[in-house]
Amino acid sequence: MKPLLGESSVFSGRAGKSSWGVPDPVHAEGTVDEVAAIFDRAYVQLERRTKTLAALPIETMPQDELVATLAATAKDQL
């Protein structure tokens, strides 16, 4: 059955949490070129980390390895 608006779905899979700590570029100040460069850096960081995460075999990874990989991804150490 489809959940009603306002109800939460149940997720029965494994869950993990990691903070990527990318500064919000919306608060950037400077020239147009400087602000554009800040947005570009944030985009590249998020794109790289998202692609890394999407490529992981999370269904088969041991939990401790997944957590370590998420932490390394947040520090751009992969």
Protein backbone atom coordinates (compact mmCIF):
# COMPACT_ATOMS: atom_id res chain seq x y z
CA MET A 1 0.00 0.00 0.00
CA LYS A 2 1.25 3.49 -0.85
CA PRO A 3 1.83 5.68 2.24
CA LEU A 4 -0.50 8.61 2.69
CA LEU A 5 0.87 12.12 2.52
CA GLY A 6 2.64 12.87 5.78
CA GLU A 7 3.30 9.23 6.65
CA SER A 8 6.79 7.78 6.64
CA SER A 9 7.81 4.76 4.63
CA VAL A 10 9.62 1.93 6.36
CA PHE A 11 13.21 1.25 5.34
CA SER A 12 14.39 -2.19 6.36
CA GLY A 13 17.86 -2.03 4.79
CA ARG A 14 21.17 -1.05 6.33
CA ALA A 15 21.60 2.61 7.07
CA GLY A 16 24.72 4.68 7.48
CA LYS A 17 25.34 8.34 8.00
CA SER A 18 28.19 10.60 6.98
CA SER A 19 28.62 14.35 6.84
CA TRP A 20 30.39 15.64 3.77
CA GLY A 21 30.90 19.12 5.21
CA VAL A 22 30.80 21.05 1.94
CA PRO A 23 30.31 24.76 2.68
CA ASP A 24 27.11 26.20 1.21
CA PRO A 25 28.24 28.38 -1.69
CA VAL A 26 25.09 30.48 -1.50
CA HIS A 27 26.83 32.53 1.20
CA ALA A 28 29.90 33.23 -0.96
CA GLU A 29 31.03 36.79 -1.43
CA GLY A 30 33.36 38.35 -3.95
CA THR A 31 33.44 39.13 -7.61
CA VAL A 32 31.24 37.25 -10.05
CA ASP A 33 34.22 35.11 -11.05
CA GLU A 34 35.20 34.39 -7.41
CA VAL A 35 31.66 33.36 -6.48
CA ALA A 36 31.39 31.21 -9.62
CA ALA A 37 34.65 29.47 -8.67
CA ILE A 38 33.31 28.74 -5.17
CA PHE A 39 30.13 27.22 -6.66
CA ASP A 40 32.25 25.19 -9.09
CA ARG A 41 34.41 23.80 -6.26
CA ALA A 42 31.33 22.77 -4.26
CA TYR A 43 29.80 21.14 -7.34
CA VAL A 44 32.98 19.19 -8.14
CA GLN A 45 33.29 17.98 -4.52
CA LEU A 46 29.68 16.83 -4.38
CA GLU A 47 29.82 15.24 -7.83
CA ARG A 48 33.01 13.30 -7.01
CA ARG A 49 31.67 12.10 -3.67
CA THR A 50 28.27 11.17 -5.10
CA LYS A 51 29.83 9.17 -7.94
CA THR A 52 32.11 7.39 -5.47
CA LEU A 53 29.16 6.52 -3.25
CA ALA A 54 27.03 5.35 -6.18
CA ALA A 55 29.81 3.03 -7.36
CA LEU A 56 30.16 1.25 -4.00
CA PRO A 57 28.84 -2.29 -3.66
CA ILE A 58 26.92 -1.27 -0.53
CA GLU A 59 24.72 -4.36 -0.59
CA THR A 60 27.72 -6.61 0.00
CA MET A 61 30.15 -4.38 1.92
CA PRO A 62 30.72 -5.12 5.60
CA GLN A 63 29.27 -2.31 7.76
CA ASP A 64 32.67 -1.25 9.16
CA GLU A 65 34.16 -1.00 5.66
CA LEU A 66 31.18 1.02 4.45
CA VAL A 67 31.50 3.45 7.38
CA ALA A 68 35.26 3.82 6.80
CA THR A 69 34.72 4.41 3.07
CA LEU A 70 32.06 7.05 3.76
CA ALA A 71 34.43 8.81 6.16
CA ALA A 72 37.27 8.72 3.62
CA THR A 73 34.92 10.02 0.93
CA ALA A 74 33.99 12.96 3.16
CA LYS A 75 37.69 13.84 3.39
CA ASP A 76 38.31 13.28 -0.34
CA GLN A 77 40.82 10.55 0.55
CA LEU A 78 39.72 8.01 -2.07
